């Protein structure tokens, strides 16, 4: 598939609860019949200590992220530094990401993620008044993260992952009993996803805080589908080809993450 055909097709398809209170007083004073006193930990204090340990033990975790993302780099290498940019089609997006994983211990997390992004079309792409145009992004993969547990409340973390990504552009229109839809999906591997942030522990179960993610990947395949019916039309054609002149691209995301630990 030539660069010209690729870009023509792409252009077409375009969280709160407070911590448990400590019981008043320190050690319980106990006196035997000889008049001696001994110190023993109060039941309430032991319960608090156990809750504190529970907040740091391993276990399952579920998270949700949202914010804003911006693309850099190219869909393919056109030989022209000013053309073929991802930002020529999609200027940004709002990611909606779900994370699910497991804390092996208080610091090491392994898991998987799925993201659906609502994209914004570039102003350079004009969608006809009678048509509906949209762009979206899908990302999924696996990642590991290390939590530093700096204080009881603040938990900085760093992560690294790999995955797969696609940008999907579509345009649809109808007139009378005839309708047509054209869509293009550009896909490829995400070689690295560097992540970081810090969590504020609201309690032992719930935390919230900012995050930043920077990805590096390469689009390798483009698929195009055209469907039309009614008004004498009956078209359903699909084509998928490799991108010969591959180029690197990246996404920069920032926002807020909420996490539940079980």
C-alpha atoms as a PDB file:
ATOM      1  CA  UNK A   1       0.000   0.000   0.000  1.00  0.00           C
ATOM      2  CA  UNK A   2       1.438   3.392  -0.950  1.00  0.00           C
ATOM      3  CA  UNK A   3       1.702   6.291   1.468  1.00  0.00           C
ATOM      4  CA  UNK A   4      -0.830   8.205  -0.563  1.00  0.00           C
ATOM      5  CA  UNK A   5      -3.404   5.416  -0.340  1.00  0.00           C
ATOM      6  CA  UNK A   6      -2.757   4.953   3.394  1.00  0.00           C
ATOM      7  CA  UNK A   7      -3.396   8.590   4.210  1.00  0.00           C
ATOM      8  CA  UNK A   8      -6.439   8.816   1.964  1.00  0.00           C
ATOM      9  CA  UNK A   9      -8.016   5.851   3.732  1.00  0.00           C
ATOM     10  CA  UNK A  10      -7.047   7.120   7.165  1.00  0.00           C
ATOM     11  CA  UNK A  11      -8.395  10.572   6.419  1.00  0.00           C
ATOM     12  CA  UNK A  12     -11.655   9.046   5.283  1.00  0.00           C
ATOM     13  CA  UNK A  13     -12.260   6.870   8.295  1.00  0.00           C
ATOM     14  CA  UNK A  14     -11.529   8.792  10.656  1.00  0.00           C
ATOM     15  CA  UNK A  15     -12.915   8.801  45.233  1.00  0.00           C
ATOM     16  CA  UNK A  16     -13.912   8.874  51.129  1.00  0.00           C
ATOM     17  CA  UNK A  17     -13.572   7.567  54.507  1.00  0.00           C
ATOM     18  CA  UNK A  18     -11.293   8.486  57.476  1.00  0.00           C
ATOM     19  CA  UNK A  19      -8.879   6.089  59.206  1.00  0.00           C
ATOM     20  CA  UNK A  20     -10.102   4.234  62.260  1.00  0.00           C
ATOM     21  CA  UNK A  21      -9.550   6.248  65.459  1.00  0.00           C
ATOM     22  CA  UNK A  22      -7.105   5.054  68.064  1.00  0.00           C
ATOM     23  CA  UNK A  23      -8.501   4.111  71.434  1.00  0.00           C
ATOM     24  CA  UNK A  24      -7.482   6.550  74.162  1.00  0.00           C
ATOM     25  CA  UNK A  25      -4.719   5.629  76.583  1.00  0.00           C
ATOM     26  CA  UNK A  26      -1.596   3.555  76.242  1.00  0.00           C
ATOM     27  CA  UNK A  27      -0.860   0.281  77.977  1.00  0.00           C
ATOM     28  CA  UNK A  28      -3.455  -1.323  80.213  1.00  0.00           C
ATOM     29  CA  UNK A  29      -2.294  -1.348  83.853  1.00  0.00           C
ATOM     30  CA  UNK A  30      -2.739  -4.753  85.414  1.00  0.00           C
ATOM     31  CA  UNK A  31      -2.097  -5.449  89.149  1.00  0.00           C
ATOM     32  CA  UNK A  32      -1.752  -8.844  90.784  1.00  0.00           C
ATOM     33  CA  UNK A  33      -2.540  -9.713  94.430  1.00  0.00           C
ATOM     34  CA  UNK A  34       1.049  -8.871  95.401  1.00  0.00           C
ATOM     35  CA  UNK A  35       0.650  -5.247  94.292  1.00  0.00           C
ATOM     36  CA  UNK A  36       2.956  -5.400  91.256  1.00  0.00           C
ATOM     37  CA  UNK A  37       1.909  -3.721  87.999  1.00  0.00           C
ATOM     38  CA  UNK A  38       2.676  -4.926  84.504  1.00  0.00           C
ATOM     39  CA  UNK A  39       2.215  -3.290  81.095  1.00  0.00           C
ATOM     40  CA  UNK A  40       0.206  -5.114  78.453  1.00  0.00           C
ATOM     41  CA  UNK A  41      -0.929  -3.891  75.003  1.00  0.00           C
ATOM     42  CA  UNK A  42      -4.546  -2.822  74.863  1.00  0.00           C
ATOM     43  CA  UNK A  43      -6.880  -4.757  72.592  1.00  0.00           C
ATOM     44  CA  UNK A  44      -7.720  -1.596  70.636  1.00  0.00           C
ATOM     45  CA  UNK A  45      -4.029  -0.924  69.980  1.00  0.00           C
ATOM     46  CA  UNK A  46      -3.462  -4.461  68.745  1.00  0.00           C
ATOM     47  CA  UNK A  47      -6.395  -4.122  66.396  1.00  0.00           C
ATOM     48  CA  UNK A  48      -4.974  -0.920  64.945  1.00  0.00           C
ATOM     49  CA  UNK A  49      -1.577  -2.510  64.404  1.00  0.00           C
ATOM     50  CA  UNK A  50      -3.179  -5.429  62.612  1.00  0.00           C
ATOM     51  CA  UNK A  51      -5.117  -3.041  60.386  1.00  0.00           C
ATOM     52  CA  UNK A  52      -1.882  -1.196  59.617  1.00  0.00           C
ATOM     53  CA  UNK A  53      -0.184  -4.384  58.526  1.00  0.00           C
ATOM     54  CA  UNK A  54      -3.197  -5.369  56.451  1.00  0.00           C
ATOM     55  CA  UNK A  55      -2.894  -2.097  54.549  1.00  0.00           C
ATOM     56  CA  UNK A  56       0.626  -3.030  53.476  1.00  0.00           C
ATOM     57  CA  UNK A  57       0.266  -6.749  52.792  1.00  0.00           C
ATOM     58  CA  UNK A  58      -0.056  -8.224  49.325  1.00  0.00           C
ATOM     59  CA  UNK A  59      -3.379  -8.894  47.617  1.00  0.00           C
ATOM     60  CA  UNK A  60      -5.545  -8.089  44.630  1.00  0.00           C
ATOM     61  CA  UNK A  61      -5.931  -4.534  43.360  1.00  0.00           C
ATOM     62  CA  UNK A  62      -8.326  -2.775  40.993  1.00  0.00           C
ATOM     63  CA  UNK A  63      -7.666   0.675  39.549  1.00  0.00           C
ATOM     64  CA  UNK A  64      -9.209   3.286  37.287  1.00  0.00           C
ATOM     65  CA  UNK A  65      -7.436   6.128  35.459  1.00  0.00           C
ATOM     66  CA  UNK A  66      -8.472   9.102  33.406  1.00  0.00           C
ATOM     67  CA  UNK A  67      -6.896  12.327  32.201  1.00  0.00           C
ATOM     68  CA  UNK A  68      -5.531  13.530  28.855  1.00  0.00           C
ATOM     69  CA  UNK A  69      -3.073  12.173  26.292  1.00  0.00           C
ATOM     70  CA  UNK A  70      -1.065  13.714  23.447  1.00  0.00           C
ATOM     71  CA  UNK A  71       0.577  11.903  20.493  1.00  0.00           C
ATOM     72  CA  UNK A  72       4.061  12.400  19.079  1.00  0.00           C
ATOM     73  CA  UNK A  73       5.807  10.832  16.109  1.00  0.00           C
ATOM     74  CA  UNK A  74       4.454   9.337  12.891  1.00  0.00           C
ATOM     75  CA  UNK A  75       2.192   6.663  11.511  1.00  0.00           C
ATOM     76  CA  UNK A  76       4.763   5.857   8.847  1.00  0.00           C
ATOM     77  CA  UNK A  77       7.984   7.262   7.442  1.00  0.00           C
ATOM     78  CA  UNK A  78       7.031   9.315   4.417  1.00  0.00           C
ATOM     79  CA  UNK A  79      10.496  10.797   3.944  1.00  0.00           C
ATOM     80  CA  UNK A  80       9.085  14.209   4.736  1.00  0.00           C
ATOM     81  CA  UNK A  81       9.595  15.443   8.295  1.00  0.00           C
ATOM     82  CA  UNK A  82       6.425  17.534   8.095  1.00  0.00           C
ATOM     83  CA  UNK A  83       4.027  14.798   6.925  1.00  0.00           C
ATOM     84  CA  UNK A  84       2.706  11.529   8.242  1.00  0.00           C
ATOM     85  CA  UNK A  85       2.460  12.771  11.831  1.00  0.00           C
ATOM     86  CA  UNK A  86      -0.039  11.165  14.177  1.00  0.00           C
ATOM     87  CA  UNK A  87      -1.041  14.646  15.322  1.00  0.00           C
ATOM     88  CA  UNK A  88      -2.088  15.452  11.748  1.00  0.00           C
ATOM     89  CA  UNK A  89      -5.118  13.229  12.403  1.00  0.00           C
ATOM     90  CA  UNK A  90      -5.617  12.993  16.165  1.00  0.00           C
ATOM     91  CA  UNK A  91      -4.483  15.862  18.384  1.00  0.00           C
ATOM     92  CA  UNK A  92      -5.188  14.156  21.714  1.00  0.00           C
ATOM     93  CA  UNK A  93      -7.578  12.017  23.659  1.00  0.00           C
ATOM     94  CA  UNK A  94      -9.235  11.290  27.000  1.00  0.00           C
ATOM     95  CA  UNK A  95      -8.104   7.879  28.266  1.00  0.00           C
ATOM     96  CA  UNK A  96     -10.426   5.677  30.306  1.00  0.00           C
ATOM     97  CA  UNK A  97      -8.251   2.900  31.732  1.00  0.00           C
ATOM     98  CA  UNK A  98      -8.944  -0.070  33.992  1.00  0.00           C
ATOM     99  CA  UNK A  99      -6.087  -1.804  35.839  1.00  0.00           C
ATOM    100  CA  UNK A 100      -6.304  -5.198  37.532  1.00  0.00           C
ATOM    101  CA  UNK A 101      -3.460  -6.982  39.244  1.00  0.00           C
ATOM    102  CA  UNK A 102      -1.874  -8.406  42.358  1.00  0.00           C
ATOM    103  CA  UNK A 103       0.541  -7.098  45.003  1.00  0.00           C
ATOM    104  CA  UNK A 104       3.057  -9.880  45.589  1.00  0.00           C
ATOM    105  CA  UNK A 105       4.105  -8.014  48.728  1.00  0.00           C
ATOM    106  CA  UNK A 106       3.741  -4.480  50.064  1.00  0.00           C
ATOM    107  CA  UNK A 107       5.876  -3.048  47.255  1.00  0.00           C
ATOM    108  CA  UNK A 108       5.807  -5.192  44.097  1.00  0.00           C
ATOM    109  CA  UNK A 109       2.732  -5.143  41.820  1.00  0.00           C
ATOM    110  CA  UNK A 110       2.083  -7.099  38.620  1.00  0.00           C
ATOM    111  CA  UNK A 111      -1.022  -6.668  36.497  1.00  0.00           C
ATOM    112  CA  UNK A 112      -2.787  -5.962  33.244  1.00  0.00           C
ATOM    113  CA  UNK A 113      -4.570  -2.929  31.858  1.00  0.00           C
ATOM    114  CA  UNK A 114      -7.168  -2.015  29.234  1.00  0.00           C
ATOM    115  CA  UNK A 115      -7.679   1.506  27.928  1.00  0.00           C
ATOM    116  CA  UNK A 116     -10.292   3.056  25.660  1.00  0.00           C
ATOM    117  CA  UNK A 117      -9.566   6.591  24.550  1.00  0.00           C
ATOM    118  CA  UNK A 118     -11.940   9.189  23.141  1.00  0.00           C
ATOM    119  CA  UNK A 119      -9.936  11.045  20.520  1.00  0.00           C
ATOM    120  CA  UNK A 120     -10.008  14.549  19.051  1.00  0.00           C
ATOM    121  CA  UNK A 121      -9.703  14.952  15.296  1.00  0.00           C
ATOM    122  CA  UNK A 122      -7.211  17.412  13.939  1.00  0.00           C
ATOM    123  CA  UNK A 123      -8.590  20.692  12.625  1.00  0.00           C
ATOM    124  CA  UNK A 124      -6.914  19.821   9.319  1.00  0.00           C
ATOM    125  CA  UNK A 125      -9.465  17.052   8.792  1.00  0.00           C
ATOM    126  CA  UNK A 126     -12.829  18.371   7.735  1.00  0.00           C
ATOM    127  CA  UNK A 127     -15.810  16.137   8.373  1.00  0.00           C
ATOM    128  CA  UNK A 128     -18.683  16.780   5.933  1.00  0.00           C
ATOM    129  CA  UNK A 129     -21.777  18.348   7.492  1.00  0.00           C
ATOM    130  CA  UNK A 130     -23.909  15.392   6.488  1.00  0.00           C
ATOM    131  CA  UNK A 131     -21.483  12.834   7.923  1.00  0.00           C
ATOM    132  CA  UNK A 132     -20.447  11.660  11.397  1.00  0.00           C
ATOM    133  CA  UNK A 133     -16.718  11.332  12.081  1.00  0.00           C
ATOM    134  CA  UNK A 134     -14.931   9.885  15.110  1.00  0.00           C
ATOM    135  CA  UNK A 135     -11.529   8.716  16.285  1.00  0.00           C
ATOM    136  CA  UNK A 136     -10.713   6.419  19.193  1.00  0.00           C
ATOM    137  CA  UNK A 137      -7.781   4.530  20.656  1.00  0.00           C
ATOM    138  CA  UNK A 138      -7.425   1.127  22.276  1.00  0.00           C
ATOM    139  CA  UNK A 139      -4.494   0.029  24.440  1.00  0.00           C
ATOM    140  CA  UNK A 140      -3.978  -3.143  26.440  1.00  0.00           C
ATOM    141  CA  UNK A 141      -0.967  -4.820  27.990  1.00  0.00           C
ATOM    142  CA  UNK A 142       0.830  -5.992  31.111  1.00  0.00           C
ATOM    143  CA  UNK A 143       2.990  -4.078  33.554  1.00  0.00           C
ATOM    144  CA  UNK A 144       4.955  -4.232  36.804  1.00  0.00           C
ATOM    145  CA  UNK A 145       5.265  -1.457  39.385  1.00  0.00           C
ATOM    146  CA  UNK A 146       7.348  -0.816  42.477  1.00  0.00           C
ATOM    147  CA  UNK A 147       5.811   1.098  45.402  1.00  0.00           C
ATOM    148  CA  UNK A 148       8.200   2.925  47.727  1.00  0.00           C
ATOM    149  CA  UNK A 149       5.798   3.360  50.695  1.00  0.00           C
ATOM    150  CA  UNK A 150       7.509   6.608  51.664  1.00  0.00           C
ATOM    151  CA  UNK A 151       5.150   7.367  54.538  1.00  0.00           C
ATOM    152  CA  UNK A 152       1.957   5.944  56.001  1.00  0.00           C
ATOM    153  CA  UNK A 153      -0.065   8.175  53.682  1.00  0.00           C
ATOM    154  CA  UNK A 154       2.142   8.922  50.661  1.00  0.00           C
ATOM    155  CA  UNK A 155       3.209   6.097  48.337  1.00  0.00           C
ATOM    156  CA  UNK A 156       5.340   7.040  45.286  1.00  0.00           C
ATOM    157  CA  UNK A 157       5.576   4.378  42.569  1.00  0.00           C
ATOM    158  CA  UNK A 158       7.277   3.613  39.242  1.00  0.00           C
ATOM    159  CA  UNK A 159       6.175   1.110  36.599  1.00  0.00           C
ATOM    160  CA  UNK A 160       7.114  -0.409  33.250  1.00  0.00           C
ATOM    161  CA  UNK A 161       4.935  -2.277  30.760  1.00  0.00           C
ATOM    162  CA  UNK A 162       4.458  -3.521  27.207  1.00  0.00           C
ATOM    163  CA  UNK A 163       1.332  -3.912  25.118  1.00  0.00           C
ATOM    164  CA  UNK A 164      -0.572  -3.418  21.880  1.00  0.00           C
ATOM    165  CA  UNK A 165      -2.329  -0.350  20.509  1.00  0.00           C
ATOM    166  CA  UNK A 166      -4.708   0.707  17.774  1.00  0.00           C
ATOM    167  CA  UNK A 167      -6.066   4.008  16.503  1.00  0.00           C
ATOM    168  CA  UNK A 168      -9.471   3.721  14.843  1.00  0.00           C
ATOM    169  CA  UNK A 169     -10.936   6.367  12.584  1.00  0.00           C
ATOM    170  CA  UNK A 170     -14.399   6.205  11.019  1.00  0.00           C
ATOM    171  CA  UNK A 171     -16.865   8.209   8.950  1.00  0.00           C
ATOM    172  CA  UNK A 172     -20.510   7.374   8.312  1.00  0.00           C
ATOM    173  CA  UNK A 173     -23.272   9.035   6.341  1.00  0.00           C
ATOM    174  CA  UNK A 174     -26.792   8.280   5.177  1.00  0.00           C
ATOM    175  CA  UNK A 175     -29.228   9.675   2.661  1.00  0.00           C
ATOM    176  CA  UNK A 176     -32.703   8.333   2.211  1.00  0.00           C
ATOM    177  CA  UNK A 177     -32.574   4.582   2.526  1.00  0.00           C
ATOM    178  CA  UNK A 178     -28.868   4.477   1.665  1.00  0.00           C
ATOM    179  CA  UNK A 179     -26.087   4.455   4.277  1.00  0.00           C
ATOM    180  CA  UNK A 180     -22.323   4.067   4.100  1.00  0.00           C
ATOM    181  CA  UNK A 181     -19.534   3.619   6.642  1.00  0.00           C
ATOM    182  CA  UNK A 182     -15.792   3.693   6.092  1.00  0.00           C
ATOM    183  CA  UNK A 183     -13.326   2.849   8.866  1.00  0.00           C
ATOM    184  CA  UNK A 184      -9.587   2.534   9.217  1.00  0.00           C
ATOM    185  CA  UNK A 185      -7.713   0.795  12.037  1.00  0.00           C
ATOM    186  CA  UNK A 186      -3.975   1.393  12.422  1.00  0.00           C
ATOM    187  CA  UNK A 187      -2.341  -1.062  14.839  1.00  0.00           C
ATOM    188  CA  UNK A 188       1.036  -1.956  16.288  1.00  0.00           C
ATOM    189  CA  UNK A 189       3.068  -2.977  19.321  1.00  0.00           C
ATOM    190  CA  UNK A 190       3.789  -0.736  22.270  1.00  0.00           C
ATOM    191  CA  UNK A 191       7.382  -1.612  23.092  1.00  0.00           C
ATOM    192  CA  UNK A 192       7.546   0.261  26.382  1.00  0.00           C
ATOM    193  CA  UNK A 193       5.236   2.095  28.736  1.00  0.00           C
ATOM    194  CA  UNK A 194       7.048   4.030  31.456  1.00  0.00           C
ATOM    195  CA  UNK A 195       4.741   5.043  34.289  1.00  0.00           C
ATOM    196  CA  UNK A 196       5.026   6.921  37.575  1.00  0.00           C
ATOM    197  CA  UNK A 197       3.065   8.784  40.196  1.00  0.00           C
ATOM    198  CA  UNK A 198       2.180   8.776  43.846  1.00  0.00           C
ATOM    199  CA  UNK A 199      -0.821   7.508  45.776  1.00  0.00           C
ATOM    200  CA  UNK A 200      -2.434   9.203  48.745  1.00  0.00           C
ATOM    201  CA  UNK A 201      -3.834   6.520  51.038  1.00  0.00           C
ATOM    202  CA  UNK A 202      -7.269   7.604  52.194  1.00  0.00           C
ATOM    203  CA  UNK A 203      -7.523   4.372  54.177  1.00  0.00           C
ATOM    204  CA  UNK A 204      -6.095   0.864  53.996  1.00  0.00           C
ATOM    205  CA  UNK A 205      -8.298   0.013  51.000  1.00  0.00           C
ATOM    206  CA  UNK A 206      -8.598   3.159  48.882  1.00  0.00           C
ATOM    207  CA  UNK A 207      -5.934   5.447  47.445  1.00  0.00           C
ATOM    208  CA  UNK A 208      -5.919   8.245  44.865  1.00  0.00           C
ATOM    209  CA  UNK A 209      -3.237  10.353  43.208  1.00  0.00           C
ATOM    210  CA  UNK A 210      -1.694  11.715  39.999  1.00  0.00           C
ATOM    211  CA  UNK A 211       0.074   9.624  37.368  1.00  0.00           C
ATOM    212  CA  UNK A 212       2.143  10.159  34.214  1.00  0.00           C
ATOM    213  CA  UNK A 213       2.664   7.603  31.410  1.00  0.00           C
ATOM    214  CA  UNK A 214       4.993   7.811  28.420  1.00  0.00           C
ATOM    215  CA  UNK A 215       4.771   5.149  25.709  1.00  0.00           C
ATOM    216  CA  UNK A 216       6.956   4.194  22.744  1.00  0.00           C
ATOM    217  CA  UNK A 217       5.670   2.063  19.888  1.00  0.00           C
ATOM    218  CA  UNK A 218       5.411   1.451  16.180  1.00  0.00           C
ATOM    219  CA  UNK A 219       2.361   1.050  13.977  1.00  0.00           C
ATOM    220  CA  UNK A 220       2.733  -1.935  11.669  1.00  0.00           C
ATOM    221  CA  UNK A 221      -0.673  -2.764  10.116  1.00  0.00           C
ATOM    222  CA  UNK A 222      -3.505  -0.799   8.582  1.00  0.00           C
ATOM    223  CA  UNK A 223      -6.970  -2.252   7.926  1.00  0.00           C
ATOM    224  CA  UNK A 224      -9.743  -0.513   6.026  1.00  0.00           C
ATOM    225  CA  UNK A 225     -13.395  -1.490   5.699  1.00  0.00           C
ATOM    226  CA  UNK A 226     -16.119   0.060   3.567  1.00  0.00           C
ATOM    227  CA  UNK A 227     -19.788  -0.851   3.987  1.00  0.00           C
ATOM    228  CA  UNK A 228     -22.697   0.565   2.018  1.00  0.00           C
ATOM    229  CA  UNK A 229     -26.291  -0.588   1.583  1.00  0.00           C
ATOM    230  CA  UNK A 230     -29.592   0.686   0.325  1.00  0.00           C
ATOM    231  CA  UNK A 231     -30.279   2.835  -2.666  1.00  0.00           C
ATOM    232  CA  UNK A 232     -29.032   0.113  -4.929  1.00  0.00           C
ATOM    233  CA  UNK A 233     -25.774  -0.262  -2.997  1.00  0.00           C
ATOM    234  CA  UNK A 234     -24.519  -3.479  -1.464  1.00  0.00           C
ATOM    235  CA  UNK A 235     -20.831  -3.094  -0.605  1.00  0.00           C
ATOM    236  CA  UNK A 236     -18.781  -4.835   2.095  1.00  0.00           C
ATOM    237  CA  UNK A 237     -15.086  -4.654   1.363  1.00  0.00           C
ATOM    238  CA  UNK A 238     -12.147  -5.062   3.747  1.00  0.00           C
ATOM    239  CA  UNK A 239      -8.423  -4.754   3.173  1.00  0.00           C
ATOM    240  CA  UNK A 240      -5.468  -5.207   5.522  1.00  0.00           C
ATOM    241  CA  UNK A 241      -1.826  -4.587   4.718  1.00  0.00           C
ATOM    242  CA  UNK A 242       1.477  -4.044   6.446  1.00  0.00           C
ATOM    243  CA  UNK A 243       2.981  -0.575   6.679  1.00  0.00           C
ATOM    244  CA  UNK A 244       6.240  -0.924   4.814  1.00  0.00           C
ATOM    245  CA  UNK A 245       8.007   2.236   5.958  1.00  0.00           C
ATOM    246  CA  UNK A 246       7.429   1.984   9.707  1.00  0.00           C
ATOM    247  CA  UNK A 247       8.109   4.889  12.067  1.00  0.00           C
ATOM    248  CA  UNK A 248       8.218   5.359  15.819  1.00  0.00           C
ATOM    249  CA  UNK A 249       5.587   7.220  17.773  1.00  0.00           C
ATOM    250  CA  UNK A 250       4.745   7.897  21.424  1.00  0.00           C
ATOM    251  CA  UNK A 251       1.920   9.045  23.669  1.00  0.00           C
ATOM    252  CA  UNK A 252       2.202  11.177  26.804  1.00  0.00           C
ATOM    253  CA  UNK A 253      -0.625  10.750  29.324  1.00  0.00           C
ATOM    254  CA  UNK A 254      -1.286  12.566  32.579  1.00  0.00           C
ATOM    255  CA  UNK A 255      -4.170  12.467  34.992  1.00  0.00           C
ATOM    256  CA  UNK A 256      -5.514  10.883  38.147  1.00  0.00           C
ATOM    257  CA  UNK A 257      -5.607   7.242  39.273  1.00  0.00           C
ATOM    258  CA  UNK A 258      -7.828   5.623  41.893  1.00  0.00           C
ATOM    259  CA  UNK A 259      -6.997   2.195  43.327  1.00  0.00           C
ATOM    260  CA  UNK A 260      -8.732  -0.323  45.570  1.00  0.00           C
ATOM    261  CA  UNK A 261      -6.679  -2.965  47.400  1.00  0.00           C
ATOM    262  CA  UNK A 262      -8.394  -6.100  48.667  1.00  0.00           C
END
